[in-house]
């Protein structure tokens, strides 16, 4: 494991005394999740989660964390958010809403605290990975610690 520069995510977890590990990889636009690098040597792919940002019809923002090989079911996500419908935000809105860029969006340390849901499969594992707040940086931590810290509800969020 390479030594990473401290990100805001790491500083926040340190302040909260939440244990974590760092994994870095070479981020590329062609392979934003490091699939070619074989993250499986760190964690199986079902334990690596991506962070997706959505909006409801009246502009409310919602965050969802799902396994990287899964697709967000917008109907299930809307139900979890208590909305009739939701849609993905445009990539150009990501930085202004969250403070993060595409490929480095973490559920930890966003500009504002948005309602967040974590796919229910996360609790099947002792450890999951989420973005460390920078492209090519993953944070490995307990899903229950993550859900308690951000805070996040557990929900069925993916297309089966």
C-alpha atoms as a PDB file:
ATOM      1  CA  UNK A   1       0.000   0.000   0.000  1.00  0.00           C
ATOM      2  CA  UNK A   2       1.350   3.367  -1.014  1.00  0.00           C
ATOM      3  CA  UNK A   3       1.427   6.359   1.277  1.00  0.00           C
ATOM      4  CA  UNK A   4      -1.175   8.922   0.223  1.00  0.00           C
ATOM      5  CA  UNK A   5      -1.283  12.638   0.803  1.00  0.00           C
ATOM      6  CA  UNK A   6      -3.744  13.396   3.614  1.00  0.00           C
ATOM      7  CA  UNK A   7      -7.114  14.291   2.176  1.00  0.00           C
ATOM      8  CA  UNK A   8      -9.916  16.092   3.983  1.00  0.00           C
ATOM      9  CA  UNK A   9     -11.662  12.712   4.269  1.00  0.00           C
ATOM     10  CA  UNK A  10      -8.677  11.296   6.168  1.00  0.00           C
ATOM     11  CA  UNK A  11      -8.471  14.335   8.447  1.00  0.00           C
ATOM     12  CA  UNK A  12     -12.188  14.048   9.289  1.00  0.00           C
ATOM     13  CA  UNK A  13     -11.888  10.327  10.042  1.00  0.00           C
ATOM     14  CA  UNK A  14      -8.803  10.998  12.182  1.00  0.00           C
ATOM     15  CA  UNK A  15     -10.703  13.671  14.150  1.00  0.00           C
ATOM     16  CA  UNK A  16     -13.595  11.253  14.681  1.00  0.00           C
ATOM     17  CA  UNK A  17     -11.134   8.500  15.680  1.00  0.00           C
ATOM     18  CA  UNK A  18     -12.541   6.146  13.053  1.00  0.00           C
ATOM     19  CA  UNK A  19      -9.978   3.562  11.949  1.00  0.00           C
ATOM     20  CA  UNK A  20      -9.324   3.264   8.216  1.00  0.00           C
ATOM     21  CA  UNK A  21      -6.746   2.129   5.697  1.00  0.00           C
ATOM     22  CA  UNK A  22      -5.685   3.937   2.530  1.00  0.00           C
ATOM     23  CA  UNK A  23      -5.248   2.406  -0.918  1.00  0.00           C
ATOM     24  CA  UNK A  24      -4.027   4.494  -3.841  1.00  0.00           C
ATOM     25  CA  UNK A  25      -3.981   3.658  -7.528  1.00  0.00           C
ATOM     26  CA  UNK A  26      -3.309   5.372 -10.847  1.00  0.00           C
ATOM     27  CA  UNK A  27      -6.583   7.002 -11.895  1.00  0.00           C
ATOM     28  CA  UNK A  28      -7.327   7.304 -15.601  1.00  0.00           C
ATOM     29  CA  UNK A  29     -10.461   8.495 -17.433  1.00  0.00           C
ATOM     30  CA  UNK A  30     -10.514   5.168 -19.292  1.00  0.00           C
ATOM     31  CA  UNK A  31     -10.448   3.208 -16.023  1.00  0.00           C
ATOM     32  CA  UNK A  32     -11.746   5.528 -13.250  1.00  0.00           C
ATOM     33  CA  UNK A  33     -12.324   2.712 -10.749  1.00  0.00           C
ATOM     34  CA  UNK A  34      -8.975   1.022 -11.270  1.00  0.00           C
ATOM     35  CA  UNK A  35     -10.580  -2.116 -12.690  1.00  0.00           C
ATOM     36  CA  UNK A  36      -7.497  -2.939 -14.737  1.00  0.00           C
ATOM     37  CA  UNK A  37      -5.315  -2.620 -11.641  1.00  0.00           C
ATOM     38  CA  UNK A  38      -7.108  -5.471  -9.903  1.00  0.00           C
ATOM     39  CA  UNK A  39      -8.471  -3.876  -6.756  1.00  0.00           C
ATOM     40  CA  UNK A  40      -9.347  -7.459  -5.846  1.00  0.00           C
ATOM     41  CA  UNK A  41      -5.884  -7.688  -4.327  1.00  0.00           C
ATOM     42  CA  UNK A  42      -7.133  -5.203  -1.717  1.00  0.00           C
ATOM     43  CA  UNK A  43     -10.859  -6.061  -1.517  1.00  0.00           C
ATOM     44  CA  UNK A  44     -13.283  -7.988  -3.724  1.00  0.00           C
ATOM     45  CA  UNK A  45     -15.143  -5.660  -6.126  1.00  0.00           C
ATOM     46  CA  UNK A  46     -18.458  -6.093  -4.283  1.00  0.00           C
ATOM     47  CA  UNK A  47     -16.811  -4.363  -1.295  1.00  0.00           C
ATOM     48  CA  UNK A  48     -15.709  -1.316  -3.306  1.00  0.00           C
ATOM     49  CA  UNK A  49     -18.412   1.363  -3.332  1.00  0.00           C
ATOM     50  CA  UNK A  50     -18.989   4.368  -5.580  1.00  0.00           C
ATOM     51  CA  UNK A  51     -20.713   7.555  -4.491  1.00  0.00           C
ATOM     52  CA  UNK A  52     -23.548   8.852  -6.663  1.00  0.00           C
ATOM     53  CA  UNK A  53     -25.288  12.207  -6.284  1.00  0.00           C
ATOM     54  CA  UNK A  54     -28.906  12.780  -7.307  1.00  0.00           C
ATOM     55  CA  UNK A  55     -31.615  15.434  -7.111  1.00  0.00           C
ATOM     56  CA  UNK A  56     -35.311  15.267  -6.431  1.00  0.00           C
ATOM     57  CA  UNK A  57     -37.914  17.210  -8.438  1.00  0.00           C
ATOM     58  CA  UNK A  58     -37.694  20.240  -6.136  1.00  0.00           C
ATOM     59  CA  UNK A  59     -33.885  20.312  -6.143  1.00  0.00           C
ATOM     60  CA  UNK A  60     -33.156  18.390  -2.928  1.00  0.00           C
ATOM     61  CA  UNK A  61     -29.831  16.547  -3.147  1.00  0.00           C
ATOM     62  CA  UNK A  62     -29.429  12.892  -2.149  1.00  0.00           C
ATOM     63  CA  UNK A  63     -26.286  10.741  -1.988  1.00  0.00           C
ATOM     64  CA  UNK A  64     -26.132   6.996  -2.602  1.00  0.00           C
ATOM     65  CA  UNK A  65     -23.217   4.591  -2.109  1.00  0.00           C
ATOM     66  CA  UNK A  66     -23.419   1.351  -4.067  1.00  0.00           C
ATOM     67  CA  UNK A  67     -20.973  -1.357  -5.187  1.00  0.00           C
ATOM     68  CA  UNK A  68     -18.931  -0.186  -8.191  1.00  0.00           C
ATOM     69  CA  UNK A  69     -20.173  -2.933 -10.504  1.00  0.00           C
ATOM     70  CA  UNK A  70     -23.830  -2.185  -9.698  1.00  0.00           C
ATOM     71  CA  UNK A  71     -26.293   0.259 -11.187  1.00  0.00           C
ATOM     72  CA  UNK A  72     -28.441   2.573  -9.064  1.00  0.00           C
ATOM     73  CA  UNK A  73     -32.147   1.747  -9.323  1.00  0.00           C
ATOM     74  CA  UNK A  74     -33.658   5.247  -9.449  1.00  0.00           C
ATOM     75  CA  UNK A  75     -37.072   4.008  -8.267  1.00  0.00           C
ATOM     76  CA  UNK A  76     -35.582   2.286  -5.222  1.00  0.00           C
ATOM     77  CA  UNK A  77     -33.385   5.321  -4.565  1.00  0.00           C
ATOM     78  CA  UNK A  78     -36.381   7.676  -4.791  1.00  0.00           C
ATOM     79  CA  UNK A  79     -38.271   5.466  -2.341  1.00  0.00           C
ATOM     80  CA  UNK A  80     -35.297   5.515   0.056  1.00  0.00           C
ATOM     81  CA  UNK A  81     -35.159   9.325  -0.252  1.00  0.00           C
ATOM     82  CA  UNK A  82     -38.903   9.730   0.286  1.00  0.00           C
ATOM     83  CA  UNK A  83     -39.346  11.284  -3.182  1.00  0.00           C
ATOM     84  CA  UNK A  84     -41.609  10.378  -6.090  1.00  0.00           C
ATOM     85  CA  UNK A  85     -38.622  10.461  -8.422  1.00  0.00           C
ATOM     86  CA  UNK A  86     -34.968  11.407  -8.530  1.00  0.00           C
ATOM     87  CA  UNK A  87     -32.378  11.806 -11.267  1.00  0.00           C
ATOM     88  CA  UNK A  88     -28.619  11.848 -11.424  1.00  0.00           C
ATOM     89  CA  UNK A  89     -27.078  15.316 -11.281  1.00  0.00           C
ATOM     90  CA  UNK A  90     -24.999  16.561 -14.202  1.00  0.00           C
ATOM     91  CA  UNK A  91     -21.264  16.021 -13.753  1.00  0.00           C
ATOM     92  CA  UNK A  92     -20.697  19.785 -14.052  1.00  0.00           C
ATOM     93  CA  UNK A  93     -22.774  20.269 -10.852  1.00  0.00           C
ATOM     94  CA  UNK A  94     -20.763  17.785  -8.792  1.00  0.00           C
ATOM     95  CA  UNK A  95     -17.967  20.110  -7.654  1.00  0.00           C
ATOM     96  CA  UNK A  96     -20.269  22.978  -6.667  1.00  0.00           C
ATOM     97  CA  UNK A  97     -22.645  20.700  -4.734  1.00  0.00           C
ATOM     98  CA  UNK A  98     -20.160  18.376  -3.042  1.00  0.00           C
ATOM     99  CA  UNK A  99     -16.707  19.931  -3.236  1.00  0.00           C
ATOM    100  CA  UNK A 100     -15.492  16.833  -5.096  1.00  0.00           C
ATOM    101  CA  UNK A 101     -14.699  16.057  -8.731  1.00  0.00           C
ATOM    102  CA  UNK A 102     -15.867  13.029 -10.726  1.00  0.00           C
ATOM    103  CA  UNK A 103     -13.739  10.055  -9.769  1.00  0.00           C
ATOM    104  CA  UNK A 104     -12.961  11.491  -6.337  1.00  0.00           C
ATOM    105  CA  UNK A 105     -16.414  11.977  -4.819  1.00  0.00           C
ATOM    106  CA  UNK A 106     -16.588  10.681  -1.257  1.00  0.00           C
ATOM    107  CA  UNK A 107     -19.650  10.393   0.981  1.00  0.00           C
ATOM    108  CA  UNK A 108     -17.439  11.829   3.747  1.00  0.00           C
ATOM    109  CA  UNK A 109     -16.809  15.572   3.998  1.00  0.00           C
ATOM    110  CA  UNK A 110     -19.112  16.989   1.358  1.00  0.00           C
ATOM    111  CA  UNK A 111     -19.739  20.768   1.390  1.00  0.00           C
ATOM    112  CA  UNK A 112     -23.137  20.112   2.963  1.00  0.00           C
ATOM    113  CA  UNK A 113     -24.598  17.157   4.785  1.00  0.00           C
ATOM    114  CA  UNK A 114     -27.017  15.580   2.326  1.00  0.00           C
ATOM    115  CA  UNK A 115     -29.359  12.682   3.093  1.00  0.00           C
ATOM    116  CA  UNK A 116     -27.307   9.591   2.324  1.00  0.00           C
ATOM    117  CA  UNK A 117     -28.115   5.922   1.813  1.00  0.00           C
ATOM    118  CA  UNK A 118     -25.649   3.048   1.747  1.00  0.00           C
ATOM    119  CA  UNK A 119     -26.551  -0.106  -0.153  1.00  0.00           C
ATOM    120  CA  UNK A 120     -27.646  -2.716   2.357  1.00  0.00           C
ATOM    121  CA  UNK A 121     -25.052  -5.201   1.091  1.00  0.00           C
ATOM    122  CA  UNK A 122     -22.316  -3.125   2.745  1.00  0.00           C
ATOM    123  CA  UNK A 123     -23.043  -4.604   6.175  1.00  0.00           C
ATOM    124  CA  UNK A 124     -22.279  -8.092   4.887  1.00  0.00           C
ATOM    125  CA  UNK A 125     -18.600  -7.152   5.135  1.00  0.00           C
ATOM    126  CA  UNK A 126     -16.230  -6.112   7.904  1.00  0.00           C
ATOM    127  CA  UNK A 127     -14.639  -3.564   5.578  1.00  0.00           C
ATOM    128  CA  UNK A 128     -15.645  -1.657   2.438  1.00  0.00           C
ATOM    129  CA  UNK A 129     -13.864   0.927   0.297  1.00  0.00           C
ATOM    130  CA  UNK A 130     -15.150   4.387  -0.616  1.00  0.00           C
ATOM    131  CA  UNK A 131     -13.429   7.289  -2.301  1.00  0.00           C
ATOM    132  CA  UNK A 132     -10.867   9.043  -0.168  1.00  0.00           C
ATOM    133  CA  UNK A 133     -11.837  12.421  -1.637  1.00  0.00           C
ATOM    134  CA  UNK A 134      -9.290  12.450  -4.455  1.00  0.00           C
ATOM    135  CA  UNK A 135      -8.963  10.568  -7.715  1.00  0.00           C
ATOM    136  CA  UNK A 136      -6.995   7.380  -7.202  1.00  0.00           C
ATOM    137  CA  UNK A 137      -7.491   7.255  -3.422  1.00  0.00           C
ATOM    138  CA  UNK A 138      -9.692   4.750  -1.610  1.00  0.00           C
ATOM    139  CA  UNK A 139     -10.501   4.596   2.097  1.00  0.00           C
ATOM    140  CA  UNK A 140     -11.136   1.145   3.565  1.00  0.00           C
ATOM    141  CA  UNK A 141     -13.246   1.160   6.707  1.00  0.00           C
ATOM    142  CA  UNK A 142     -16.072  -0.522   8.588  1.00  0.00           C
ATOM    143  CA  UNK A 143     -19.438   0.017   6.866  1.00  0.00           C
ATOM    144  CA  UNK A 144     -21.166   0.450  10.230  1.00  0.00           C
ATOM    145  CA  UNK A 145     -18.616   3.104  11.242  1.00  0.00           C
ATOM    146  CA  UNK A 146     -19.171   4.866   7.908  1.00  0.00           C
ATOM    147  CA  UNK A 147     -22.967   4.721   8.178  1.00  0.00           C
ATOM    148  CA  UNK A 148     -22.837   6.037  11.734  1.00  0.00           C
ATOM    149  CA  UNK A 149     -20.452   8.861  10.902  1.00  0.00           C
ATOM    150  CA  UNK A 150     -21.984  10.406   7.770  1.00  0.00           C
ATOM    151  CA  UNK A 151     -24.880   9.370   8.792  1.00  0.00           C
ATOM    152  CA  UNK A 152     -26.400   6.994   6.225  1.00  0.00           C
ATOM    153  CA  UNK A 153     -29.444   4.773   6.124  1.00  0.00           C
ATOM    154  CA  UNK A 154     -29.146   1.253   4.762  1.00  0.00           C
ATOM    155  CA  UNK A 155     -31.385   0.480   1.782  1.00  0.00           C
ATOM    156  CA  UNK A 156     -31.844  -1.810  -1.199  1.00  0.00           C
ATOM    157  CA  UNK A 157     -30.590   0.543  -3.956  1.00  0.00           C
ATOM    158  CA  UNK A 158     -29.387  -1.468  -6.928  1.00  0.00           C
ATOM    159  CA  UNK A 159     -30.862  -3.057 -10.027  1.00  0.00           C
ATOM    160  CA  UNK A 160     -30.890  -6.799  -9.628  1.00  0.00           C
END
